[in-house]
Amino acid sequence: MKLALNNKGDLNFKIILISLLFLELLSCYFAYFTLGEVKQFLFILILFLNVIPFLFYYLRKKVTSLFFAFIIGLVIIPYQSFLVFKWFTLKNESATLIAYIDNYKSKNGEFPESIADYSFENQKLTRNFSYHLQSNDYRLYYYIGTKGTTHFYSSKINKWEYYPD
């Protein structure tokens, strides 16, 4: 019976390690869109530190292995989770903002000079947006983690694009 419990404990331990690794992989993937390719590469380097917990696991040092796995996960997962949540909030706000700009044009015959009159649902996001009016179209920009990574919308092509770093 003791052998069965150890195998179940091993299975739970492996599930924890694999779950952390999966969440870290997701975080590395989303880092490209929230922080850019250079910082994503740093996240990937941190991800490779997972060799340490697996090494301790095979040396039968489960507590040490779990400790390192959680430390590595704490470096990547919470911050990236925050940025992904912020990204979805910015996407929702940008959809409302685009509707406001297009509605303004349909009422006034031209695009607004600025978005200063737009009331943001989340005032904290105001500084993440910028608006540039061109002759017959506009561009709406927002950044998530760093100002070097820009998500932008062009009314000319009616499409979102992304520029990392």
Protein backbone atom coordinates (compact mmCIF):
# COMPACT_ATOMS: atom_id res chain seq x y z
CA MET A 1 0.00 0.00 0.00
CA LYS A 2 2.87 2.36 0.75
CA LEU A 3 4.19 1.85 -2.78
CA ALA A 4 0.82 2.87 -4.23
CA LEU A 5 0.83 6.06 -2.17
CA ASN A 6 4.34 6.94 -3.34
CA ASN A 7 3.31 6.43 -6.95
CA LYS A 8 0.26 8.65 -6.43
CA GLY A 9 2.50 11.26 -4.77
CA ASP A 10 4.86 11.06 -7.73
CA LEU A 11 1.95 11.51 -10.12
CA ASN A 12 0.69 14.59 -8.23
CA PHE A 13 4.20 15.98 -8.12
CA LYS A 14 4.63 15.46 -11.87
CA ILE A 15 1.26 17.10 -12.53
CA ILE A 16 2.33 20.15 -10.53
CA LEU A 17 5.63 20.43 -12.38
CA ILE A 18 4.03 19.93 -15.80
CA SER A 19 1.27 22.45 -14.98
CA LEU A 20 3.81 25.07 -13.96
CA LEU A 21 5.81 24.39 -17.10
CA PHE A 22 2.67 24.70 -19.26
CA LEU A 23 1.75 28.04 -17.64
CA GLU A 24 5.31 29.27 -18.13
CA LEU A 25 5.20 28.27 -21.81
CA LEU A 26 1.94 30.19 -22.25
CA SER A 27 3.49 33.18 -20.50
CA CYS A 28 6.48 33.06 -22.84
CA TYR A 29 4.18 32.92 -25.85
CA PHE A 30 2.14 35.94 -24.72
CA ALA A 31 5.30 37.86 -23.78
CA TYR A 32 5.85 38.45 -27.50
CA PHE A 33 2.58 40.41 -27.70
CA THR A 34 2.85 42.20 -24.36
CA LEU A 35 6.57 42.90 -24.01
CA GLY A 36 8.12 42.28 -27.42
CA GLU A 37 10.50 39.76 -28.87
CA VAL A 38 13.60 40.79 -26.92
CA LYS A 39 11.93 40.41 -23.53
CA GLN A 40 10.22 37.26 -24.73
CA PHE A 41 13.68 35.84 -25.33
CA LEU A 42 14.60 36.66 -21.72
CA PHE A 43 11.47 34.84 -20.56
CA ILE A 44 12.49 31.84 -22.67
CA LEU A 45 15.93 31.86 -21.04
CA ILE A 46 14.23 31.85 -17.64
CA LEU A 47 12.03 29.01 -18.86
CA PHE A 48 15.13 26.93 -19.55
CA LEU A 49 15.96 27.18 -15.84
CA ASN A 50 13.31 24.49 -15.40
CA VAL A 51 16.14 22.04 -15.95
CA ILE A 52 16.99 22.68 -12.28
CA PRO A 53 13.71 21.41 -10.77
CA PHE A 54 13.74 18.36 -13.03
CA LEU A 55 17.34 17.65 -12.09
CA PHE A 56 16.47 17.80 -8.38
CA TYR A 57 13.45 15.61 -9.02
CA TYR A 58 15.62 12.89 -10.55
CA LEU A 59 18.02 13.24 -7.62
CA ARG A 60 14.97 12.49 -5.42
CA LYS A 61 14.98 15.93 -3.80
CA LYS A 62 11.29 16.68 -4.31
CA VAL A 63 11.02 19.59 -1.86
CA THR A 64 13.99 21.36 -3.42
CA SER A 65 12.64 20.61 -6.88
CA LEU A 66 9.24 22.04 -6.02
CA PHE A 67 10.85 25.10 -4.42
CA PHE A 68 12.81 25.92 -7.59
CA ALA A 69 9.80 25.20 -9.80
CA PHE A 70 7.66 27.67 -7.83
CA ILE A 71 10.39 30.33 -7.82
CA ILE A 72 10.78 30.09 -11.60
CA GLY A 73 7.00 30.17 -12.00
CA LEU A 74 6.73 33.23 -9.76
CA VAL A 75 9.20 35.09 -11.96
CA ILE A 76 7.16 34.53 -15.13
CA ILE A 77 3.52 33.64 -14.52
CA PRO A 78 2.04 36.41 -12.29
CA TYR A 79 3.48 39.37 -14.22
CA GLN A 80 2.55 37.92 -17.58
CA SER A 81 -0.95 37.05 -16.32
CA PHE A 82 -1.36 40.69 -15.28
CA LEU A 83 -0.23 41.86 -18.73
CA VAL A 84 -2.55 39.46 -20.58
CA PHE A 85 -5.48 40.70 -18.50
CA LYS A 86 -4.44 44.28 -19.27
CA TRP A 87 -4.20 43.39 -22.96
CA PHE A 88 -7.78 42.12 -23.07
CA THR A 89 -8.94 45.22 -21.19
CA LEU A 90 -7.11 47.43 -23.70
CA LYS A 91 -8.62 45.50 -26.62
CA ASN A 92 -12.12 46.05 -25.23
CA GLU A 93 -11.45 49.73 -24.62
CA SER A 94 -10.00 50.15 -28.10
CA ALA A 95 -13.11 48.62 -29.70
CA THR A 96 -15.26 51.16 -27.84
CA LEU A 97 -12.87 53.95 -28.81
CA ILE A 98 -12.97 53.00 -32.49
CA ALA A 99 -16.78 52.98 -32.36
CA TYR A 100 -16.66 56.47 -30.78
CA ILE A 101 -14.32 57.79 -33.51
CA ASP A 102 -16.37 56.27 -36.34
CA ASN A 103 -19.61 57.57 -34.79
CA TYR A 104 -18.05 61.04 -34.48
CA LYS A 105 -17.20 60.97 -38.20
CA SER A 106 -20.68 59.87 -39.19
CA LYS A 107 -22.19 62.78 -37.19
CA ASN A 108 -19.66 65.49 -38.07
CA GLY A 109 -18.32 64.39 -41.45
CA GLU A 110 -14.73 64.23 -40.22
CA PHE A 111 -12.66 62.41 -37.67
CA PRO A 112 -12.06 64.09 -34.29
CA GLU A 113 -8.87 66.09 -33.88
CA SER A 114 -8.07 64.21 -30.69
CA ILE A 115 -9.58 61.65 -28.36
CA ALA A 116 -9.56 64.04 -25.40
CA ASP A 117 -13.37 64.18 -25.37
CA TYR A 118 -13.69 60.41 -25.21
CA SER A 119 -14.45 59.18 -21.70
CA PHE A 120 -12.52 56.01 -21.02
CA GLU A 121 -14.28 53.24 -19.14
CA ASN A 122 -11.03 52.64 -17.29
CA GLN A 123 -9.23 55.96 -16.75
CA LYS A 124 -5.97 54.17 -15.92
CA LEU A 125 -5.71 53.06 -19.55
CA THR A 126 -5.73 56.61 -20.94
CA ARG A 127 -1.95 56.88 -21.02
CA ASN A 128 -1.64 53.60 -22.95
CA PHE A 129 -3.44 55.05 -25.98
CA SER A 130 -2.39 57.53 -28.62
CA TYR A 131 -4.31 58.80 -31.62
CA HIS A 132 -2.92 60.21 -34.87
CA LEU A 133 -5.16 61.86 -37.40
CA GLN A 134 -4.03 61.73 -41.01
CA SER A 135 -5.66 63.28 -44.07
CA ASN A 136 -8.47 60.77 -44.67
CA ASP A 137 -7.90 58.26 -41.93
CA TYR A 138 -6.59 57.82 -38.42
CA ARG A 139 -4.39 55.49 -36.47
CA LEU A 140 -5.05 54.36 -32.95
CA TYR A 141 -2.13 52.99 -30.95
CA TYR A 142 -1.82 51.26 -27.62
CA TYR A 143 0.96 49.54 -25.76
CA ILE A 144 0.77 46.98 -23.01
CA GLY A 145 3.99 46.22 -21.15
CA THR A 146 6.46 48.56 -22.80
CA LYS A 147 6.07 51.55 -25.09
CA GLY A 148 8.29 49.81 -27.64
CA THR A 149 5.62 47.23 -28.39
CA THR A 150 2.78 48.84 -30.27
CA HIS A 151 -0.59 47.51 -31.29
CA PHE A 152 -2.11 49.86 -33.84
CA TYR A 153 -5.30 50.20 -35.81
CA SER A 154 -5.54 51.90 -39.18
CA SER A 155 -8.94 53.08 -40.32
CA LYS A 156 -7.66 53.07 -43.89
CA ILE A 157 -7.30 49.27 -43.95
CA ASN A 158 -9.70 48.63 -41.04
CA LYS A 159 -7.23 46.28 -39.43
CA TRP A 160 -5.15 45.86 -36.28
CA GLU A 161 -1.42 45.31 -36.60
CA TYR A 162 1.40 44.79 -34.18
CA TYR A 163 4.98 46.03 -34.01
CA PRO A 164 7.24 44.41 -31.40
CA ASP A 165 10.19 46.38 -30.03
